[in-house]
């Protein structure tokens, strides 16, 4: 019997997600560099970037409840208004406040209080808007999956990565023909297109009666969080899984800083980080087929080891003849090619680790509370992002760059010992996290009551 096609709401939601992800990733690779060139010093750029990522992954716990109460369509329209305004405010310091972008970030904060306030407001708007979109779109996909949830979310995940590629590619095209703040024009355009798409075509799907859920207040959601965090196994799992997300956040913290400070004066960070969605699109099906039967925690351990090794490989160019800025294929410095390889390996680690988190939490949760526990599955990402900015900035500026000197081009010539130590520390965080996951797995499986779900 031929299956019914996915309804229009399903495809509208996916195209909306494509534009939203395009908007976000058009600017994500350059946020740290942009803040630094606004004169925010060495540490505030990464710290503010970590706040943005934390809001995007933590607030859906609350914003999803609000979206349930007012309806997905109204919530999405409001979200894209917030996002458009947020991206506008991101570029406002240069466009409207007379700020000039300096060539390289300095040690001290030299920007005006107005620029700081504008930037913080932009972060809050983008974080809140993005957090509303996430539960609305995933909720629509769930409600319109017509009994084919695996296929539906497979398409959805693919669309996310296509949107990521689209945003980065559009950003590169516009940025190289204009200026760095023009990436926010790309983001605003994508968010505006998404607004009109929702306004004209989106219809909130009706949930089947069997799946209907009572609406919750924000207060009850906070109480649920207390309930969830009273589970020692769940809390411990969240903590040992933070390390992976901490390292993942360095794709948007340490790696752009390393590219722009050590390797190239004007690196194509948006193009280099395309390695992440390309690897996921190319290898998602293969990894699922070959390793899908691996126990979830074991798969997470493998993924976390991979992301640790992804950091380690950047030691190699430091000891190559000519150093990391030696031109390689296509004239790209050898060190930059290793950064691309790092991003690709991180994506491979993501396929092993993060793809299994929701599966494992669903099995770990007490019977009848699976949905409640899954609602907090993004907490490790939020916590890893929150720590990733400031700690990543410290590791980069105070360890990797310790003892470095500037050459005539203004780029840093690193002290090999300190730079090696910095990358080894990042690798060590990955390995320590993998060891924590393995020990956690041993502890959980030691309990006969939980062996069936954790093995």
Protein backbone atom coordinates (compact mmCIF):
# COMPACT_ATOMS: atom_id res chain seq x y z
CA UNK A 1 0.00 0.00 0.00
CA UNK A 2 1.40 3.38 -1.04
CA UNK A 3 2.14 5.68 1.88
CA UNK A 4 0.63 9.15 2.00
CA UNK A 5 3.06 11.97 1.22
CA UNK A 6 4.18 14.30 3.96
CA UNK A 7 1.71 17.20 4.33
CA UNK A 8 2.49 20.74 3.25
CA UNK A 9 3.16 21.83 6.84
CA UNK A 10 6.06 19.36 7.00
CA UNK A 11 7.80 20.83 3.96
CA UNK A 12 7.05 24.41 4.97
CA UNK A 13 8.62 23.74 8.36
CA UNK A 14 11.72 22.25 6.74
CA UNK A 15 12.22 25.17 4.35
CA UNK A 16 11.70 27.54 7.28
CA UNK A 17 14.40 25.68 9.19
CA UNK A 18 16.70 25.92 6.16
CA UNK A 19 16.42 29.72 6.17
CA UNK A 20 16.79 29.95 9.96
CA UNK A 21 19.95 27.84 9.93
CA UNK A 22 21.21 29.78 6.92
CA UNK A 23 20.75 33.00 8.88
CA UNK A 24 22.58 31.70 11.93
CA UNK A 25 25.52 30.07 10.18
CA UNK A 26 26.01 33.02 7.85
CA UNK A 27 27.47 34.83 10.85
CA UNK A 28 28.43 32.07 13.33
CA UNK A 29 31.96 31.47 12.04
CA UNK A 30 32.89 35.15 12.32
CA UNK A 31 31.17 36.32 15.51
CA UNK A 32 34.30 35.97 17.68
CA UNK A 33 36.48 37.75 15.09
CA UNK A 34 33.86 40.49 14.58
CA UNK A 35 33.59 41.20 18.32
CA UNK A 36 37.37 41.32 18.57
CA UNK A 37 37.64 43.78 15.70
CA UNK A 38 35.02 45.97 17.38
CA UNK A 39 37.56 46.43 20.17
CA UNK A 40 36.25 44.03 22.81
CA UNK A 41 39.65 42.70 23.77
CA UNK A 42 40.79 39.11 23.96
CA UNK A 43 38.26 37.56 26.31
CA UNK A 44 34.87 39.21 25.85
CA UNK A 45 34.38 38.06 22.22
CA UNK A 46 34.48 34.36 23.13
CA UNK A 47 32.53 34.92 26.34
CA UNK A 48 29.71 36.75 24.55
CA UNK A 49 29.68 34.12 21.82
CA UNK A 50 29.31 31.41 24.46
CA UNK A 51 26.35 33.28 25.98
CA UNK A 52 24.67 33.32 22.56
CA UNK A 53 25.09 29.57 22.06
CA UNK A 54 23.96 28.88 25.63
CA UNK A 55 20.75 30.86 25.15
CA UNK A 56 19.97 29.04 21.89
CA UNK A 57 20.28 25.62 23.55
CA UNK A 58 18.99 26.32 27.06
CA UNK A 59 15.97 28.56 26.45
CA UNK A 60 13.97 26.01 24.36
CA UNK A 61 13.10 24.38 27.68
CA UNK A 62 11.04 27.48 28.47
CA UNK A 63 10.26 28.90 25.02
CA UNK A 64 8.82 25.56 23.88
CA UNK A 65 6.22 25.85 26.63
CA UNK A 66 5.32 29.38 25.54
CA UNK A 67 5.06 28.23 21.91
CA UNK A 68 2.66 25.46 22.97
CA UNK A 69 0.44 28.03 24.68
CA UNK A 70 0.25 30.68 21.96
CA UNK A 71 0.51 28.36 18.94
CA UNK A 72 3.44 27.52 16.69
CA UNK A 73 2.59 30.03 13.95
CA UNK A 74 2.39 33.05 16.25
CA UNK A 75 5.52 31.89 18.05
CA UNK A 76 7.45 31.51 14.78
CA UNK A 77 6.37 34.91 13.49
CA UNK A 78 7.49 36.50 16.74
CA UNK A 79 10.75 34.55 16.66
CA UNK A 80 11.70 35.78 13.20
CA UNK A 81 10.91 39.37 14.16
CA UNK A 82 13.29 38.94 17.10
CA UNK A 83 15.93 37.33 14.88
CA UNK A 84 15.74 40.01 12.20
CA UNK A 85 16.07 42.75 14.83
CA UNK A 86 18.92 40.85 16.49
CA UNK A 87 20.92 40.53 13.27
CA UNK A 88 20.27 44.20 12.54
CA UNK A 89 21.66 45.13 15.95
CA UNK A 90 24.71 42.95 15.33
CA UNK A 91 25.69 45.18 12.41
CA UNK A 92 24.42 48.40 14.01
CA UNK A 93 27.74 49.40 15.69
CA UNK A 94 29.32 49.78 12.25
CA UNK A 95 26.24 50.86 10.30
CA UNK A 96 24.70 53.38 12.71
CA UNK A 97 27.02 54.02 15.67
CA UNK A 98 30.21 55.01 13.86
CA UNK A 99 32.31 52.09 15.11
CA UNK A 100 35.28 51.08 12.98
CA UNK A 101 36.67 47.57 12.71
CA UNK A 102 40.31 47.30 13.75
CA UNK A 103 42.64 44.92 11.94
CA UNK A 104 43.32 42.68 14.94
CA UNK A 105 41.81 42.37 18.39
CA UNK A 106 43.88 43.96 21.15
CA UNK A 107 44.39 42.94 24.75
CA UNK A 108 42.13 45.60 26.22
CA UNK A 109 38.52 46.63 25.65
CA UNK A 110 38.58 49.84 23.61
CA UNK A 111 35.03 49.99 22.28
CA UNK A 112 32.32 52.31 23.59
CA UNK A 113 29.65 51.34 26.16
CA UNK A 114 26.99 51.91 23.47
CA UNK A 115 28.56 49.26 21.23
CA UNK A 116 28.65 46.81 24.15
CA UNK A 117 24.99 47.44 25.01
CA UNK A 118 23.95 47.08 21.37
CA UNK A 119 25.88 43.83 21.01
CA UNK A 120 24.46 42.34 24.21
CA UNK A 121 20.94 43.27 23.07
CA UNK A 122 21.60 41.57 19.72
CA UNK A 123 22.77 38.41 21.47
CA UNK A 124 19.66 38.33 23.67
CA UNK A 125 17.32 38.79 20.71
CA UNK A 126 19.06 36.16 18.56
CA UNK A 127 19.27 33.72 21.45
CA UNK A 128 15.60 34.13 22.35
CA UNK A 129 14.41 34.04 18.73
CA UNK A 130 16.48 30.97 17.89
CA UNK A 131 15.28 29.17 21.00
CA UNK A 132 11.65 29.65 19.94
CA UNK A 133 12.24 28.33 16.43
CA UNK A 134 13.80 25.05 17.60
CA UNK A 135 10.81 23.52 19.45
CA UNK A 136 8.27 24.86 16.93
CA UNK A 137 9.96 23.34 13.89
CA UNK A 138 10.88 20.03 15.54
CA UNK A 139 7.36 19.86 16.98
CA UNK A 140 5.87 20.40 13.52
CA UNK A 141 8.07 17.66 12.05
CA UNK A 142 6.96 15.31 14.81
CA UNK A 143 3.25 16.07 14.33
CA UNK A 144 3.40 15.75 10.53
CA UNK A 145 5.61 12.65 10.34
CA UNK A 146 2.53 10.46 9.54
CA UNK A 147 3.99 7.37 11.18
CA UNK A 148 7.44 7.80 9.61
CA UNK A 149 9.31 9.69 12.34
CA UNK A 150 12.72 8.22 11.46
CA UNK A 151 12.46 9.33 7.83
CA UNK A 152 10.92 12.67 8.80
CA UNK A 153 13.72 13.57 11.21
CA UNK A 154 16.32 12.23 8.78
CA UNK A 155 15.05 14.75 6.21
CA UNK A 156 14.93 17.43 8.90
CA UNK A 157 18.56 16.79 9.94
CA UNK A 158 19.63 16.89 6.30
CA UNK A 159 17.85 20.22 5.81
CA UNK A 160 19.64 21.68 8.85
CA UNK A 161 22.99 20.90 7.25
CA UNK A 162 21.91 22.17 3.83
CA UNK A 163 20.88 25.41 5.54
CA UNK A 164 24.27 25.54 7.23
CA UNK A 165 26.05 25.16 3.87
CA UNK A 166 23.78 27.72 2.24
CA UNK A 167 24.38 30.30 4.98
CA UNK A 168 28.15 29.89 4.98
CA UNK A 169 28.32 29.99 1.17
CA UNK A 170 26.13 33.10 0.92
CA UNK A 171 28.17 34.72 3.69
CA UNK A 172 31.43 34.09 1.85
CA UNK A 173 30.05 35.42 -1.44
CA UNK A 174 28.73 38.64 0.12
CA UNK A 175 31.57 39.19 2.59
CA UNK A 176 34.35 38.91 0.02
CA UNK A 177 32.58 41.44 -2.24
CA UNK A 178 31.73 43.89 0.51
CA UNK A 179 32.82 43.91 4.17
CA UNK A 180 32.60 41.74 7.27
CA UNK A 181 29.38 43.35 8.63
CA UNK A 182 27.61 42.39 5.40
CA UNK A 183 27.27 38.85 6.79
CA UNK A 184 24.50 40.23 9.01
CA UNK A 185 22.66 41.41 5.89
CA UNK A 186 22.64 37.77 4.76
CA UNK A 187 21.31 36.74 8.17
CA UNK A 188 18.61 39.43 8.14
CA UNK A 189 17.55 38.46 4.62
CA UNK A 190 17.22 34.78 5.54
CA UNK A 191 15.26 35.60 8.71
CA UNK A 192 12.94 37.94 6.78
CA UNK A 193 12.31 35.32 4.09
CA UNK A 194 11.50 32.81 6.83
CA UNK A 195 9.01 35.29 8.37
CA UNK A 196 7.10 35.69 5.11
CA UNK A 197 7.22 31.96 4.44
CA UNK A 198 5.59 31.30 7.80
CA UNK A 199 3.09 34.14 7.37
CA UNK A 200 1.96 33.00 3.92
CA UNK A 201 2.30 29.22 3.90
CA UNK A 202 2.71 27.77 7.39
CA UNK A 203 -0.27 26.18 9.12
CA UNK A 204 0.01 24.88 12.66
CA UNK A 205 -0.55 21.11 12.44
CA UNK A 206 -3.16 19.43 14.59
CA UNK A 207 -1.69 16.86 16.93
CA UNK A 208 -3.42 13.49 17.05
CA UNK A 209 -5.65 13.16 20.09
CA UNK A 210 -3.54 10.34 21.47
CA UNK A 211 -0.48 12.56 21.36
CA UNK A 212 -2.11 15.66 22.79
CA UNK A 213 -0.35 17.02 25.85
CA UNK A 214 -1.70 19.25 28.58
CA UNK A 215 -0.28 22.74 28.42
CA UNK A 216 2.28 23.57 31.07
CA UNK A 217 3.07 26.85 32.73
CA UNK A 218 6.63 28.16 32.93
CA UNK A 219 6.52 27.48 36.67
CA UNK A 220 5.67 23.82 36.13
CA UNK A 221 8.52 23.53 33.62
CA UNK A 222 10.96 24.83 36.22
CA UNK A 223 9.57 22.34 38.73
CA UNK A 224 10.04 19.59 36.15
CA UNK A 225 13.67 20.64 35.84
CA UNK A 226 14.11 20.14 39.58
CA UNK A 227 12.50 16.69 39.24
CA UNK A 228 14.77 15.70 36.38
CA UNK A 229 17.91 16.96 38.12
CA UNK A 230 17.08 14.86 41.17
CA UNK A 231 18.03 11.78 39.14
CA UNK A 232 21.73 11.10 39.98
CA UNK A 233 22.27 9.04 36.83
CA UNK A 234 20.84 11.71 34.58
CA UNK A 235 22.82 14.51 36.23
CA UNK A 236 26.04 12.50 36.03
CA UNK A 237 25.40 11.71 32.38
CA UNK A 238 24.87 15.41 31.64
CA UNK A 239 28.14 16.31 33.36
CA UNK A 240 30.31 13.68 31.66
CA UNK A 241 28.81 14.66 28.29
CA UNK A 242 29.73 18.33 28.71
CA UNK A 243 33.33 17.72 27.59
CA UNK A 244 32.32 16.80 24.05
CA UNK A 245 30.21 19.95 23.73
CA UNK A 246 32.98 22.09 25.21
CA UNK A 247 35.32 20.92 22.46
CA UNK A 248 32.65 21.27 19.78
CA UNK A 249 32.19 24.93 20.78
CA UNK A 250 35.85 25.57 19.90
CA UNK A 251 34.90 25.37 16.20
CA UNK A 252 33.46 28.85 16.81
CA UNK A 253 35.91 30.06 19.45
CA UNK A 254 39.50 28.79 19.33
CA UNK A 255 39.64 27.73 15.66
CA UNK A 256 38.61 31.11 14.16
CA UNK A 257 41.04 32.89 16.51
CA UNK A 258 43.85 30.51 15.55
CA UNK A 259 43.15 30.98 11.85
CA UNK A 260 43.04 34.79 12.01
CA UNK A 261 45.83 35.33 14.54
CA UNK A 262 48.37 32.67 13.58
CA UNK A 263 47.73 31.39 10.06
CA UNK A 264 46.10 33.97 7.75
CA UNK A 265 45.27 37.66 7.85
CA UNK A 266 41.90 37.14 6.16
CA UNK A 267 40.94 33.47 6.57
CA UNK A 268 37.86 32.05 4.84
CA UNK A 269 36.49 30.72 8.12
CA UNK A 270 33.00 30.31 6.66
CA UNK A 271 34.36 28.13 3.84
CA UNK A 272 36.69 26.12 6.09
CA UNK A 273 33.89 25.30 8.54
CA UNK A 274 31.76 23.96 5.69
CA UNK A 275 33.66 20.74 6.37
CA UNK A 276 31.27 20.13 9.28
CA UNK A 277 27.95 19.93 7.37
CA UNK A 278 29.62 18.30 4.35
CA UNK A 279 30.95 15.42 6.46
CA UNK A 280 27.62 14.98 8.22
CA UNK A 281 25.66 14.88 4.96
CA UNK A 282 28.19 12.56 3.30
CA UNK A 283 28.69 10.07 6.14
CA UNK A 284 25.52 10.15 8.24
CA UNK A 285 23.91 7.17 6.48
CA UNK A 286 27.16 5.16 6.37
CA UNK A 287 27.91 5.65 10.09
CA UNK A 288 24.33 4.79 10.99
CA UNK A 289 24.43 1.58 8.95
CA UNK A 290 27.86 0.42 10.08
CA UNK A 291 27.79 1.46 13.72
CA UNK A 292 24.12 1.95 14.53
CA UNK A 293 24.03 -1.25 16.60
CA UNK A 294 26.90 -0.11 18.82
CA UNK A 295 25.74 0.57 22.38
CA UNK A 296 24.92 4.30 22.76
CA UNK A 297 27.49 5.10 25.48
CA UNK A 298 30.22 3.20 23.62
CA UNK A 299 29.39 5.19 20.51
CA UNK A 300 29.62 8.41 22.53
CA UNK A 301 33.03 7.32 23.86
CA UNK A 302 34.27 6.73 20.30
CA UNK A 303 32.94 10.12 19.18
CA UNK A 304 34.55 11.91 22.11
CA UNK A 305 37.92 10.23 21.48
CA UNK A 306 37.66 11.35 17.83
CA UNK A 307 37.05 14.96 18.82
CA UNK A 308 40.05 14.81 21.18
CA UNK A 309 42.24 13.53 18.34
CA UNK A 310 40.84 16.32 16.15
CA UNK A 311 42.53 18.81 18.47
CA UNK A 312 45.79 16.86 18.63
CA UNK A 313 46.46 16.87 14.88
CA UNK A 314 47.13 20.63 14.98
CA UNK A 315 50.42 19.89 16.71
CA UNK A 316 51.83 18.37 13.49
CA UNK A 317 52.13 21.61 11.43
CA UNK A 318 54.08 23.24 14.28
CA UNK A 319 56.96 20.83 13.63
CA UNK A 320 56.80 20.68 9.84
CA UNK A 321 59.56 22.32 7.81
CA UNK A 322 58.55 25.91 7.29
CA UNK A 323 55.96 25.88 10.04
CA UNK A 324 52.15 26.00 9.90
CA UNK A 325 52.06 28.90 7.40
CA UNK A 326 53.92 26.97 4.70
CA UNK A 327 51.74 27.11 1.55
CA UNK A 328 50.02 23.84 0.75
CA UNK A 329 47.63 22.84 -2.04
CA UNK A 330 45.71 25.75 -3.61
CA UNK A 331 48.02 28.17 -1.75
CA UNK A 332 46.27 27.53 1.57
CA UNK A 333 48.64 27.33 4.56
CA UNK A 334 49.32 23.82 5.85
CA UNK A 335 48.04 24.84 9.25
CA UNK A 336 44.71 25.97 7.76
CA UNK A 337 44.31 22.61 6.02
CA UNK A 338 44.78 20.92 9.40
CA UNK A 339 42.09 23.19 10.86
CA UNK A 340 39.76 22.02 8.07
CA UNK A 341 40.66 18.43 8.96
CA UNK A 342 39.92 19.24 12.61
CA UNK A 343 36.45 20.52 11.71
CA UNK A 344 35.82 17.40 9.61
CA UNK A 345 36.92 15.08 12.43
CA UNK A 346 34.75 16.96 14.90
CA UNK A 347 31.80 16.36 12.58
CA UNK A 348 32.66 12.65 12.46
CA UNK A 349 32.79 12.59 16.24
CA UNK A 350 29.41 14.31 16.29
CA UNK A 351 27.94 11.51 14.17
CA UNK A 352 29.10 8.94 16.71
CA UNK A 353 28.38 10.89 19.90
CA UNK A 354 25.60 13.43 19.60
CA UNK A 355 23.41 11.34 17.34
CA UNK A 356 23.02 8.82 20.18
CA UNK A 357 22.33 11.21 23.08
CA UNK A 358 18.56 11.39 22.59
CA UNK A 359 18.36 7.63 22.14
CA UNK A 360 20.25 7.02 25.37
CA UNK A 361 18.32 9.57 27.44
CA UNK A 362 15.05 8.06 26.25
CA UNK A 363 16.22 4.66 27.52
CA UNK A 364 17.63 6.09 30.76
CA UNK A 365 14.45 7.94 31.74
CA UNK A 366 11.95 6.28 34.10
CA UNK A 367 9.02 4.72 32.26
CA UNK A 368 6.40 7.30 31.44
CA UNK A 369 8.87 10.22 31.86
CA UNK A 370 10.77 9.85 28.58
CA UNK A 371 9.39 13.09 27.14
CA UNK A 372 10.21 15.00 30.31
CA UNK A 373 13.83 13.84 30.32
CA UNK A 374 14.29 14.37 26.57
CA UNK A 375 13.23 17.98 27.03
CA UNK A 376 16.49 18.54 28.88
CA UNK A 377 18.73 16.65 26.44
CA UNK A 378 20.32 19.89 25.20
CA UNK A 379 21.60 20.85 28.65
CA UNK A 380 25.11 19.40 27.98
CA UNK A 381 25.32 21.53 24.82
CA UNK A 382 24.27 24.62 26.78
CA UNK A 383 26.75 23.93 29.58
CA UNK A 384 29.56 23.06 27.17
CA UNK A 385 28.93 26.25 25.21
CA UNK A 386 28.82 28.35 28.37
CA UNK A 387 32.23 27.09 29.47
CA UNK A 388 33.64 26.86 25.96
CA UNK A 389 33.88 30.59 25.31
CA UNK A 390 35.80 31.92 28.32
CA UNK A 391 37.88 28.77 28.89
CA UNK A 392 38.64 28.47 25.19
CA UNK A 393 39.77 32.10 25.10
CA UNK A 394 42.03 31.50 28.09
CA UNK A 395 43.59 28.38 26.55
CA UNK A 396 44.18 30.21 23.28
CA UNK A 397 45.53 33.53 24.53
CA UNK A 398 47.33 32.39 27.70
CA UNK A 399 48.61 29.00 26.65
CA UNK A 400 48.72 28.45 22.90
CA UNK A 401 49.93 32.02 22.29
CA UNK A 402 52.17 32.29 25.36
CA UNK A 403 55.63 33.46 24.36
CA UNK A 404 54.57 34.16 20.76
CA UNK A 405 56.08 36.98 18.72
CA UNK A 406 54.66 38.99 15.82
CA UNK A 407 56.22 38.92 12.38
CA UNK A 408 56.18 41.71 9.81
CA UNK A 409 52.69 40.70 8.62
CA UNK A 410 51.22 41.08 12.10
CA UNK A 411 50.57 37.35 12.53
CA UNK A 412 51.89 35.46 15.54
CA UNK A 413 54.88 33.15 15.43
CA UNK A 414 54.07 30.63 18.14
CA UNK A 415 56.37 29.15 20.71
CA UNK A 416 56.19 25.46 19.78
CA UNK A 417 56.28 24.19 23.35
CA UNK A 418 53.42 26.35 24.60
CA UNK A 419 51.34 25.87 21.45
CA UNK A 420 51.82 22.10 21.67
CA UNK A 421 50.81 22.16 25.33
CA UNK A 422 47.65 24.11 24.47
CA UNK A 423 46.52 21.60 21.87
CA UNK A 424 47.41 18.73 24.23
CA UNK A 425 45.22 20.26 26.94
CA UNK A 426 42.30 20.42 24.51
CA UNK A 427 42.94 16.83 23.49
CA UNK A 428 43.14 15.89 27.17
CA UNK A 429 39.71 17.39 27.83
CA UNK A 430 38.31 15.12 25.12
CA UNK A 431 40.07 12.04 26.44
CA UNK A 432 39.07 12.84 30.03
CA UNK A 433 35.46 13.23 28.91
CA UNK A 434 35.64 9.89 27.06
CA UNK A 435 37.08 8.25 30.17
CA UNK A 436 34.29 9.80 32.26
CA UNK A 437 31.69 8.39 29.88
CA UNK A 438 33.32 4.95 30.04
CA UNK A 439 33.44 4.98 33.86
CA UNK A 440 29.85 6.18 33.96
CA UNK A 441 28.89 3.31 31.66
CA UNK A 442 30.66 0.84 33.96
CA UNK A 443 28.87 2.30 36.99
CA UNK A 444 25.43 2.19 35.38
CA UNK A 445 25.84 -1.32 33.98
CA UNK A 446 26.98 -2.54 37.39
CA UNK A 447 23.38 -2.04 38.50
CA UNK A 448 21.25 -5.00 37.31
CA UNK A 449 18.17 -2.78 37.10
CA UNK A 450 19.76 -0.52 34.52
CA UNK A 451 21.93 -2.93 32.60
CA UNK A 452 19.36 -3.49 29.88
CA UNK A 453 19.08 0.19 29.02
CA UNK A 454 22.74 1.17 29.30
CA UNK A 455 24.54 -1.76 27.72
